[in-house]
Amino acid sequence: AKIIIIDDNPDYLFTMETFLKRNGYETLTAEDGQKGIDLIEKERPDLILLDVMMESIYSGLDVCKKVRTNPDLKDIPIIGISGMGDELGVRLDKRGDEDYFKVDEFFEKPVDKEKLLPKIKELLEEGLIKKGKAVRIGGKLYPKK
């Protein structure tokens, strides 16, 4: 599965990319929102790992809005990540009132990687089911032929 990681911290990008590659995922990275959107539109990833509070002209919230309002991209699962959510009084979660701020899951930095992996697997499986490429029977995922 292809995962795009978008974060303005190069150390975090490298750490997360290494971790995900070691766990069998194909990864692509972008260090700001605009590069992230360009990469998403070009590569059509299976999942996006997004720093929602990037300090670039194109923030993580902008990336989220752009993905959620594009019919071709809106079903790509997004895991929002931030180290500042509570400090800024911004709360992004699965109950997001605004569709375009809707992330499928939210993790605070530092991310607990042992909790992140099963969530990535779950969201990727849900994505396959939504696309009609797989079916879940008795808790197991089966590819559709």
N, C-alpha and C. Protein backbone atom coordinates (compact mmCIF):
# COMPACT_ATOMS: atom_id res chain seq x y z
N ALA A 1 0.84 -1.19 0.00
CA ALA A 1 0.00 0.00 0.00
C ALA A 1 0.88 1.24 0.00
N LYS A 2 0.41 2.27 -0.67
CA LYS A 2 1.16 3.51 -0.81
C LYS A 2 0.66 4.55 0.19
N ILE A 3 1.58 5.08 1.00
CA ILE A 3 1.24 6.08 2.01
C ILE A 3 2.04 7.34 1.75
N ILE A 4 1.35 8.48 1.73
CA ILE A 4 2.03 9.77 1.62
C ILE A 4 2.08 10.39 3.01
N ILE A 5 3.29 10.80 3.41
CA ILE A 5 3.50 11.46 4.70
C ILE A 5 3.78 12.93 4.42
N ILE A 6 2.98 13.81 5.03
CA ILE A 6 3.17 15.25 4.82
C ILE A 6 3.43 15.89 6.18
N ASP A 7 4.63 16.45 6.34
CA ASP A 7 5.02 17.06 7.62
C ASP A 7 6.15 18.05 7.35
N ASP A 8 6.14 19.18 8.04
CA ASP A 8 7.18 20.18 7.81
C ASP A 8 8.43 19.96 8.65
N ASN A 9 8.45 18.87 9.42
CA ASN A 9 9.63 18.54 10.23
C ASN A 9 10.40 17.42 9.53
N PRO A 10 11.59 17.74 8.95
CA PRO A 10 12.33 16.73 8.18
C PRO A 10 12.75 15.52 9.01
N ASP A 11 13.06 15.72 10.29
CA ASP A 11 13.44 14.59 11.15
C ASP A 11 12.26 13.65 11.34
N TYR A 12 11.08 14.23 11.58
CA TYR A 12 9.87 13.42 11.76
C TYR A 12 9.54 12.67 10.47
N LEU A 13 9.65 13.36 9.33
CA LEU A 13 9.39 12.72 8.03
C LEU A 13 10.28 11.49 7.85
N PHE A 14 11.57 11.67 8.12
CA PHE A 14 12.54 10.58 7.95
C PHE A 14 12.22 9.41 8.88
N THR A 15 11.95 9.72 10.15
CA THR A 15 11.65 8.68 11.14
C THR A 15 10.40 7.89 10.75
N MET A 16 9.33 8.61 10.37
CA MET A 16 8.08 7.94 10.03
C MET A 16 8.22 7.15 8.72
N GLU A 17 8.92 7.72 7.76
CA GLU A 17 9.14 7.03 6.49
C GLU A 17 9.91 5.72 6.71
N THR A 18 10.96 5.78 7.51
CA THR A 18 11.77 4.60 7.81
C THR A 18 10.92 3.54 8.51
N PHE A 19 10.14 3.97 9.51
CA PHE A 19 9.28 3.06 10.27
C PHE A 19 8.27 2.36 9.35
N LEU A 20 7.61 3.13 8.49
CA LEU A 20 6.59 2.54 7.62
C LEU A 20 7.20 1.62 6.56
N LYS A 21 8.34 2.02 6.01
CA LYS A 21 9.02 1.15 5.02
C LYS A 21 9.42 -0.17 5.67
N ARG A 22 9.92 -0.09 6.91
CA ARG A 22 10.33 -1.30 7.62
C ARG A 22 9.13 -2.22 7.84
N ASN A 23 7.94 -1.64 7.87
CA ASN A 23 6.73 -2.44 8.07
C ASN A 23 6.02 -2.77 6.75
N GLY A 24 6.73 -2.63 5.64
CA GLY A 24 6.22 -3.11 4.36
C GLY A 24 5.43 -2.13 3.52
N TYR A 25 5.39 -0.87 3.90
CA TYR A 25 4.62 0.11 3.13
C TYR A 25 5.50 0.88 2.17
N GLU A 26 4.93 1.22 1.02
CA GLU A 26 5.60 2.12 0.07
C GLU A 26 5.29 3.53 0.56
N THR A 27 6.31 4.38 0.68
CA THR A 27 6.07 5.72 1.21
C THR A 27 6.60 6.80 0.28
N LEU A 28 5.90 7.92 0.29
CA LEU A 28 6.33 9.13 -0.40
C LEU A 28 6.19 10.26 0.61
N THR A 29 7.06 11.27 0.54
CA THR A 29 7.00 12.34 1.53
C THR A 29 6.92 13.71 0.88
N ALA A 30 6.34 14.64 1.62
CA ALA A 30 6.29 16.05 1.22
C ALA A 30 6.49 16.89 2.47
N GLU A 31 7.30 17.95 2.34
CA GLU A 31 7.59 18.76 3.52
C GLU A 31 6.73 20.02 3.65
N ASP A 32 5.76 20.17 2.75
CA ASP A 32 4.79 21.25 2.95
C ASP A 32 3.48 20.89 2.26
N GLY A 33 2.46 21.67 2.56
CA GLY A 33 1.11 21.35 2.08
C GLY A 33 0.96 21.35 0.57
N GLN A 34 1.58 22.34 -0.10
CA GLN A 34 1.44 22.42 -1.55
C GLN A 34 2.08 21.21 -2.23
N LYS A 35 3.30 20.86 -1.78
CA LYS A 35 3.96 19.67 -2.35
C LYS A 35 3.13 18.42 -2.03
N GLY A 36 2.52 18.41 -0.85
CA GLY A 36 1.68 17.28 -0.46
C GLY A 36 0.50 17.10 -1.39
N ILE A 37 -0.21 18.21 -1.68
CA ILE A 37 -1.36 18.16 -2.58
C ILE A 37 -0.93 17.70 -3.97
N ASP A 38 0.17 18.26 -4.47
CA ASP A 38 0.67 17.86 -5.80
C ASP A 38 0.95 16.36 -5.84
N LEU A 39 1.57 15.87 -4.78
CA LEU A 39 1.92 14.44 -4.69
C LEU A 39 0.66 13.57 -4.61
N ILE A 40 -0.31 14.01 -3.81
CA ILE A 40 -1.57 13.26 -3.67
C ILE A 40 -2.28 13.17 -5.02
N GLU A 41 -2.36 14.30 -5.74
CA GLU A 41 -3.06 14.31 -7.02
C GLU A 41 -2.34 13.44 -8.05
N LYS A 42 -1.01 13.42 -8.00
CA LYS A 42 -0.23 12.64 -8.97
C LYS A 42 -0.22 11.15 -8.63
N GLU A 43 -0.05 10.82 -7.36
CA GLU A 43 0.20 9.44 -6.95
C GLU A 43 -1.03 8.66 -6.48
N ARG A 44 -2.10 9.37 -6.10
CA ARG A 44 -3.32 8.70 -5.60
C ARG A 44 -2.99 7.65 -4.54
N PRO A 45 -2.52 8.07 -3.36
CA PRO A 45 -2.10 7.11 -2.34
C PRO A 45 -3.28 6.35 -1.75
N ASP A 46 -2.96 5.29 -1.02
CA ASP A 46 -3.99 4.51 -0.33
C ASP A 46 -4.31 5.12 1.03
N LEU A 47 -3.38 5.97 1.54
CA LEU A 47 -3.58 6.59 2.86
C LEU A 47 -2.66 7.81 2.95
N ILE A 48 -3.12 8.81 3.71
CA ILE A 48 -2.32 10.03 3.93
C ILE A 48 -2.09 10.20 5.42
N LEU A 49 -0.84 10.42 5.78
CA LEU A 49 -0.44 10.75 7.15
C LEU A 49 -0.11 12.24 7.13
N LEU A 50 -0.92 13.05 7.81
CA LEU A 50 -0.87 14.50 7.62
C LEU A 50 -0.67 15.26 8.92
N ASP A 51 0.39 16.08 8.96
CA ASP A 51 0.57 17.02 10.07
C ASP A 51 -0.43 18.14 9.83
N VAL A 52 -1.44 18.24 10.68
CA VAL A 52 -2.51 19.21 10.44
C VAL A 52 -2.11 20.65 10.78
N MET A 53 -1.05 20.83 11.55
CA MET A 53 -0.67 22.18 11.98
C MET A 53 0.66 22.63 11.37
N MET A 54 0.91 22.31 10.12
CA MET A 54 2.14 22.75 9.47
C MET A 54 2.16 24.27 9.33
N GLU A 55 3.33 24.83 9.47
CA GLU A 55 3.46 26.28 9.34
C GLU A 55 3.94 26.63 7.94
N SER A 56 3.12 26.32 6.97
CA SER A 56 3.44 26.70 5.59
C SER A 56 2.23 27.43 5.03
N ILE A 57 2.40 28.03 3.86
CA ILE A 57 1.31 28.78 3.25
C ILE A 57 0.09 27.87 3.10
N TYR A 58 0.36 26.64 2.74
CA TYR A 58 -0.70 25.64 2.58
C TYR A 58 -0.65 24.71 3.78
N SER A 59 -1.51 24.93 4.75
CA SER A 59 -1.47 24.16 6.00
C SER A 59 -2.05 22.77 5.83
N GLY A 60 -1.92 21.97 6.88
CA GLY A 60 -2.52 20.65 6.88
C GLY A 60 -4.03 20.71 6.74
N LEU A 61 -4.63 21.75 7.33
CA LEU A 61 -6.09 21.92 7.22
C LEU A 61 -6.46 22.19 5.76
N ASP A 62 -5.63 22.97 5.07
CA ASP A 62 -5.88 23.25 3.65
C ASP A 62 -5.78 21.97 2.82
N VAL A 63 -4.78 21.14 3.15
CA VAL A 63 -4.61 19.86 2.44
C VAL A 63 -5.85 19.00 2.66
N CYS A 64 -6.29 18.93 3.91
CA CYS A 64 -7.47 18.13 4.26
C CYS A 64 -8.69 18.61 3.47
N LYS A 65 -8.89 19.93 3.45
CA LYS A 65 -10.03 20.50 2.73
C LYS A 65 -9.95 20.16 1.24
N LYS A 66 -8.76 20.30 0.66
CA LYS A 66 -8.57 20.04 -0.77
C LYS A 66 -8.88 18.57 -1.11
N VAL A 67 -8.42 17.66 -0.25
CA VAL A 67 -8.67 16.23 -0.48
C VAL A 67 -10.15 15.92 -0.32
N ARG A 68 -10.76 16.42 0.75
CA ARG A 68 -12.16 16.09 1.05
C ARG A 68 -13.15 16.70 0.07
N THR A 69 -12.77 17.77 -0.63
CA THR A 69 -13.69 18.40 -1.57
C THR A 69 -13.43 17.98 -3.02
N ASN A 70 -12.46 17.08 -3.23
CA ASN A 70 -12.17 16.57 -4.57
C ASN A 70 -12.81 15.19 -4.71
N PRO A 71 -13.78 15.05 -5.63
CA PRO A 71 -14.49 13.76 -5.76
C PRO A 71 -13.56 12.57 -6.01
N ASP A 72 -12.44 12.80 -6.68
CA ASP A 72 -11.51 11.70 -6.97
C ASP A 72 -10.64 11.32 -5.78
N LEU A 73 -10.53 12.21 -4.80
CA LEU A 73 -9.62 11.99 -3.67
C LEU A 73 -10.33 11.81 -2.34
N LYS A 74 -11.61 12.20 -2.27
CA LYS A 74 -12.29 12.34 -0.97
C LYS A 74 -12.35 11.08 -0.12
N ASP A 75 -12.23 9.91 -0.74
CA ASP A 75 -12.31 8.66 0.02
C ASP A 75 -10.97 8.15 0.53
N ILE A 76 -9.88 8.87 0.22
CA ILE A 76 -8.56 8.45 0.72
C ILE A 76 -8.54 8.68 2.23
N PRO A 77 -8.24 7.64 3.01
CA PRO A 77 -8.18 7.82 4.47
C PRO A 77 -7.07 8.80 4.86
N ILE A 78 -7.38 9.66 5.83
CA ILE A 78 -6.39 10.62 6.34
C ILE A 78 -6.23 10.40 7.84
N ILE A 79 -4.97 10.22 8.26
CA ILE A 79 -4.66 10.21 9.68
C ILE A 79 -4.02 11.56 9.99
N GLY A 80 -4.70 12.35 10.81
CA GLY A 80 -4.20 13.66 11.21
C GLY A 80 -3.26 13.51 12.40
N ILE A 81 -2.16 14.25 12.34
CA ILE A 81 -1.17 14.21 13.42
C ILE A 81 -0.81 15.63 13.79
N SER A 82 -0.71 15.89 15.10
CA SER A 82 -0.31 17.23 15.53
C SER A 82 0.30 17.20 16.91
N GLY A 83 1.20 18.11 17.15
CA GLY A 83 1.77 18.27 18.47
C GLY A 83 1.18 19.47 19.17
N MET A 84 0.26 20.18 18.51
CA MET A 84 -0.24 21.43 19.07
C MET A 84 -1.75 21.51 19.22
N GLY A 85 -2.47 20.46 18.94
CA GLY A 85 -3.93 20.51 18.93
C GLY A 85 -4.56 21.16 20.14
N ASP A 86 -4.19 20.70 21.32
CA ASP A 86 -4.82 21.22 22.53
C ASP A 86 -4.38 22.64 22.83
N GLU A 87 -3.11 22.95 22.59
CA GLU A 87 -2.60 24.29 22.88
C GLU A 87 -3.34 25.36 22.09
N LEU A 88 -3.66 25.07 20.84
CA LEU A 88 -4.30 26.06 19.99
C LEU A 88 -5.82 26.01 20.10
N GLY A 89 -6.33 25.07 20.86
CA GLY A 89 -7.78 24.95 20.98
C GLY A 89 -8.42 24.40 19.72
N VAL A 90 -7.62 23.80 18.87
CA VAL A 90 -8.15 23.20 17.64
C VAL A 90 -8.38 21.73 17.92
N ARG A 91 -9.54 21.25 17.57
CA ARG A 91 -9.81 19.84 17.82
C ARG A 91 -10.26 19.21 16.51
N LEU A 92 -9.43 18.35 15.99
CA LEU A 92 -9.77 17.62 14.78
C LEU A 92 -10.02 16.18 15.18
N ASP A 93 -11.15 15.67 14.87
CA ASP A 93 -11.34 14.26 15.15
C ASP A 93 -12.42 13.70 14.24
N LYS A 94 -12.82 12.49 14.52
CA LYS A 94 -13.76 11.81 13.64
C LYS A 94 -15.15 12.44 13.67
N ARG A 95 -15.40 13.28 14.67
CA ARG A 95 -16.72 13.91 14.75
C ARG A 95 -16.73 15.28 14.08
N GLY A 96 -15.68 15.58 13.30
CA GLY A 96 -15.55 16.92 12.69
C GLY A 96 -16.85 17.39 12.07
N ASP A 97 -17.33 18.56 12.50
CA ASP A 97 -18.58 19.10 11.98
C ASP A 97 -18.44 19.49 10.51
N GLU A 98 -17.27 20.02 10.15
CA GLU A 98 -17.03 20.41 8.77
C GLU A 98 -16.44 19.22 8.03
N ASP A 99 -17.09 18.80 6.96
CA ASP A 99 -16.61 17.63 6.22
C ASP A 99 -15.17 17.78 5.78
N TYR A 100 -14.80 18.99 5.38
CA TYR A 100 -13.46 19.13 4.83
C TYR A 100 -12.36 19.16 5.89
N PHE A 101 -12.72 19.21 7.17
CA PHE A 101 -11.71 19.06 8.22
C PHE A 101 -11.72 17.64 8.77
N LYS A 102 -12.46 16.78 8.10
CA LYS A 102 -12.66 15.43 8.64
C LYS A 102 -11.46 14.53 8.39
N VAL A 103 -10.85 14.11 9.48
CA VAL A 103 -9.79 13.11 9.39
C VAL A 103 -10.39 11.80 9.88
N ASP A 104 -9.84 10.69 9.42
CA ASP A 104 -10.37 9.38 9.82
C ASP A 104 -9.89 8.97 11.20
N GLU A 105 -8.74 9.48 11.57
CA GLU A 105 -8.17 9.19 12.90
C GLU A 105 -7.25 10.34 13.25
N PHE A 106 -7.03 10.53 14.54
CA PHE A 106 -6.17 11.62 14.99
C PHE A 106 -5.20 11.13 16.04
N PHE A 107 -3.92 11.48 15.88
CA PHE A 107 -2.88 11.13 16.84
C PHE A 107 -2.13 12.38 17.25
N GLU A 108 -1.84 12.50 18.54
CA GLU A 108 -0.99 13.58 19.04
C GLU A 108 0.46 13.14 18.92
N LYS A 109 1.36 14.09 18.64
CA LYS A 109 2.80 13.80 18.67
C LYS A 109 3.26 13.81 20.11
N PRO A 110 4.19 12.99 20.52
CA PRO A 110 4.81 11.93 19.72
C PRO A 110 3.82 10.78 19.50
N VAL A 111 3.77 10.29 18.29
CA VAL A 111 2.82 9.24 17.92
C VAL A 111 3.28 7.90 18.49
N ASP A 112 2.32 7.20 19.11
CA ASP A 112 2.59 5.83 19.59
C ASP A 112 2.52 4.91 18.37
N LYS A 113 3.69 4.53 17.86
CA LYS A 113 3.74 3.75 16.61
C LYS A 113 3.07 2.39 16.74
N GLU A 114 3.04 1.84 17.95
CA GLU A 114 2.39 0.53 18.13
C GLU A 114 0.87 0.65 18.03
N LYS A 115 0.33 1.85 18.25
CA LYS A 115 -1.11 2.07 18.05
C LYS A 115 -1.38 2.51 16.62
N LEU A 116 -0.40 3.17 16.02
CA LEU A 116 -0.56 3.68 14.66
C LEU A 116 -0.66 2.55 13.63
N LEU A 117 0.19 1.54 13.74
CA LEU A 117 0.20 0.45 12.74
C LEU A 117 -1.15 -0.25 12.57
N PRO A 118 -1.80 -0.70 13.67
CA PRO A 118 -3.10 -1.35 13.48
C PRO A 118 -4.14 -0.40 12.88
N LYS A 119 -4.06 0.89 13.21
CA LYS A 119 -5.02 1.86 12.67
C LYS A 119 -4.79 2.03 11.17
N ILE A 120 -3.53 2.08 10.74
CA ILE A 120 -3.22 2.17 9.31
C ILE A 120 -3.79 0.95 8.58
N LYS A 121 -3.55 -0.24 9.13
CA LYS A 121 -4.05 -1.48 8.52
C LYS A 121 -5.58 -1.45 8.40
N GLU A 122 -6.23 -1.03 9.47
CA GLU A 122 -7.70 -0.97 9.49
C GLU A 122 -8.23 0.00 8.43
N LEU A 123 -7.64 1.19 8.36
CA LEU A 123 -8.10 2.19 7.40
C LEU A 123 -7.82 1.76 5.95
N LEU A 124 -6.69 1.10 5.73
CA LEU A 124 -6.39 0.60 4.38
C LEU A 124 -7.40 -0.47 3.97
N GLU A 125 -7.76 -1.35 4.91
CA GLU A 125 -8.76 -2.39 4.61
C GLU A 125 -10.11 -1.76 4.30
N GLU A 126 -10.51 -0.76 5.11
CA GLU A 126 -11.79 -0.08 4.86
C GLU A 126 -11.77 0.59 3.48
N GLY A 127 -10.61 1.13 3.11
CA GLY A 127 -10.46 1.77 1.80
C GLY A 127 -10.66 0.79 0.66
N LEU A 128 -10.10 -0.42 0.81
CA LEU A 128 -10.27 -1.46 -0.22
C LEU A 128 -11.73 -1.86 -0.35
N ILE A 129 -12.42 -1.96 0.79
CA ILE A 129 -13.84 -2.33 0.78
C ILE A 129 -14.65 -1.23 0.08
N LYS A 130 -14.38 0.05 0.43
CA LYS A 130 -15.09 1.18 -0.19
C LYS A 130 -14.91 1.20 -1.70
N LYS A 131 -13.71 0.86 -2.15
CA LYS A 131 -13.41 0.87 -3.60
C LYS A 131 -13.95 -0.38 -4.29
N GLY A 132 -14.52 -1.32 -3.52
CA GLY A 132 -15.05 -2.54 -4.11
C GLY A 132 -13.98 -3.54 -4.49
N LYS A 133 -12.77 -3.38 -3.94
CA LYS A 133 -11.67 -4.28 -4.27
C LYS A 133 -11.55 -5.44 -3.28
N ALA A 134 -12.31 -5.37 -2.20
CA ALA A 134 -12.23 -6.44 -1.19
C ALA A 134 -13.57 -6.52 -0.46
N VAL A 135 -13.73 -7.64 0.24
CA VAL A 135 -14.93 -7.85 1.04
C VAL A 135 -14.51 -8.47 2.37
N ARG A 136 -15.20 -8.07 3.44
CA ARG A 136 -14.88 -8.62 4.76
C ARG A 136 -15.92 -9.68 5.11
N ILE A 137 -15.44 -10.89 5.40
CA ILE A 137 -16.33 -11.99 5.79
C ILE A 137 -15.80 -12.57 7.09
N GLY A 138 -16.64 -12.57 8.11
CA GLY A 138 -16.24 -13.15 9.39
C GLY A 138 -14.97 -12.54 9.96
N GLY A 139 -14.83 -11.22 9.79
CA GLY A 139 -13.67 -10.54 10.34
C GLY A 139 -12.41 -10.62 9.49
N LYS A 140 -12.47 -11.38 8.38
CA LYS A 140 -11.29 -11.49 7.50
C LYS A 140 -11.54 -10.74 6.20
N LEU A 141 -10.47 -10.22 5.65
CA LEU A 141 -10.56 -9.47 4.40
C LEU A 141 -10.19 -10.37 3.22
N TYR A 142 -11.04 -10.36 2.21
CA TYR A 142 -10.79 -11.17 1.01
C TYR A 142 -10.81 -10.27 -0.22
N PRO A 143 -9.79 -10.40 -1.09
CA PRO A 143 -9.80 -9.60 -2.32
C PRO A 143 -10.92 -10.06 -3.25
N LYS A 144 -11.54 -9.09 -3.94
CA LYS A 144 -12.56 -9.44 -4.94
C LYS A 144 -11.86 -9.70 -6.25
N LYS A 145 -12.36 -10.70 -6.98
CA LYS A 145 -11.73 -11.03 -8.27
C LYS A 145 -12.46 -10.36 -9.39
